[in-house]
């Protein structure tokens, strides 16, 4: 079975990454001293099906529309939350 590709936008607990690795191929933003810039998120979204983000990362229509195969983004601590997208033209 092919696992979905997930990009992790910011540092998260290793325990969460271990759980995510069971169901997805993950790529993690390597910088821990800063947040991703919009251009970096756009590059990452082009090669992944999901974005794993926390509340302070802004994901706007420009980012979403970069990948027609993007299935969802956003994670909430302590919740099983993934927000699906509708394309904007």
Protein backbone atom coordinates (compact mmCIF):
# COMPACT_ATOMS: atom_id res chain seq x y z
CA UNK A 1 0.00 0.00 0.00
CA UNK A 2 1.32 3.41 -0.93
CA UNK A 3 1.41 5.82 1.98
CA UNK A 4 0.30 9.44 1.48
CA UNK A 5 3.01 12.09 1.48
CA UNK A 6 2.81 14.52 4.39
CA UNK A 7 4.89 17.63 4.94
CA UNK A 8 5.40 18.65 8.56
CA UNK A 9 5.75 22.44 8.58
CA UNK A 10 7.21 22.98 12.06
CA UNK A 11 8.70 21.05 14.98
CA UNK A 12 6.36 18.62 16.69
CA UNK A 13 6.88 16.01 19.39
CA UNK A 14 8.76 12.90 18.25
CA UNK A 15 5.89 10.75 19.55
CA UNK A 16 3.55 12.44 17.07
CA UNK A 17 6.02 11.87 14.24
CA UNK A 18 6.34 8.19 15.16
CA UNK A 19 2.56 7.79 14.92
CA UNK A 20 2.45 9.68 11.64
CA UNK A 21 5.21 7.53 10.16
CA UNK A 22 2.99 4.48 10.63
CA UNK A 23 0.47 5.81 8.12
CA UNK A 24 2.40 8.27 5.92
CA UNK A 25 5.70 9.10 4.32
CA UNK A 26 6.72 12.31 6.03
CA UNK A 27 9.04 15.16 5.20
CA UNK A 28 9.90 17.60 7.97
CA UNK A 29 11.00 21.23 7.69
CA UNK A 30 14.51 21.04 9.15
CA UNK A 31 14.78 24.52 10.69
CA UNK A 32 13.84 24.81 14.34
CA UNK A 33 14.80 28.45 14.80
CA UNK A 34 12.23 29.99 12.45
CA UNK A 35 8.87 29.49 10.79
CA UNK A 36 8.63 28.62 7.12
CA UNK A 37 8.24 31.41 4.61
CA UNK A 38 5.30 31.26 2.21
CA UNK A 39 7.57 30.47 -0.76
CA UNK A 40 9.03 27.49 1.11
CA UNK A 41 5.56 26.17 1.95
CA UNK A 42 4.55 26.49 -1.72
CA UNK A 43 7.54 24.38 -2.79
CA UNK A 44 6.70 21.75 -0.17
CA UNK A 45 2.99 21.62 -1.01
CA UNK A 46 3.79 20.86 -4.65
CA UNK A 47 5.35 17.52 -3.70
CA UNK A 48 3.04 16.40 -0.87
CA UNK A 49 -0.61 15.42 -0.47
CA UNK A 50 -1.07 16.79 3.05
CA UNK A 51 0.39 19.52 5.23
CA UNK A 52 0.74 18.93 8.97
CA UNK A 53 0.60 22.36 10.57
CA UNK A 54 -0.26 23.93 13.86
CA UNK A 55 -2.40 27.00 14.45
CA UNK A 56 0.20 29.67 13.82
CA UNK A 57 1.08 28.67 10.24
CA UNK A 58 -0.99 30.57 7.69
CA UNK A 59 -2.14 28.42 4.77
CA UNK A 60 -3.91 30.62 2.24
CA UNK A 61 -5.49 30.08 -1.19
CA UNK A 62 -2.19 30.76 -2.97
CA UNK A 63 -0.63 27.80 -1.18
CA UNK A 64 -3.63 25.50 -1.53
CA UNK A 65 -4.00 26.17 -5.23
CA UNK A 66 -0.37 25.19 -5.93
CA UNK A 67 -1.24 21.50 -5.72
CA UNK A 68 -4.47 20.20 -7.24
CA UNK A 69 -3.85 16.88 -5.43
CA UNK A 70 -3.63 18.47 -1.97
CA UNK A 71 -6.13 16.61 0.19
CA UNK A 72 -5.91 18.51 3.46
CA UNK A 73 -3.97 20.46 6.01
CA UNK A 74 -3.94 21.44 9.67
CA UNK A 75 -3.55 19.45 12.81
CA UNK A 76 -4.90 20.21 16.23
CA UNK A 77 -3.14 18.97 19.32
CA UNK A 78 -5.27 16.38 21.06
CA UNK A 79 -7.76 16.15 18.21
CA UNK A 80 -8.03 14.16 15.02
CA UNK A 81 -8.46 17.09 12.70
CA UNK A 82 -7.68 17.39 9.03
CA UNK A 83 -9.36 20.10 7.03
CA UNK A 84 -10.15 19.18 3.40
CA UNK A 85 -9.91 21.86 0.77
CA UNK A 86 -12.07 23.34 -1.88
CA UNK A 87 -10.21 24.95 -4.73
CA UNK A 88 -10.55 28.66 -5.34
CA UNK A 89 -10.23 30.10 -8.82
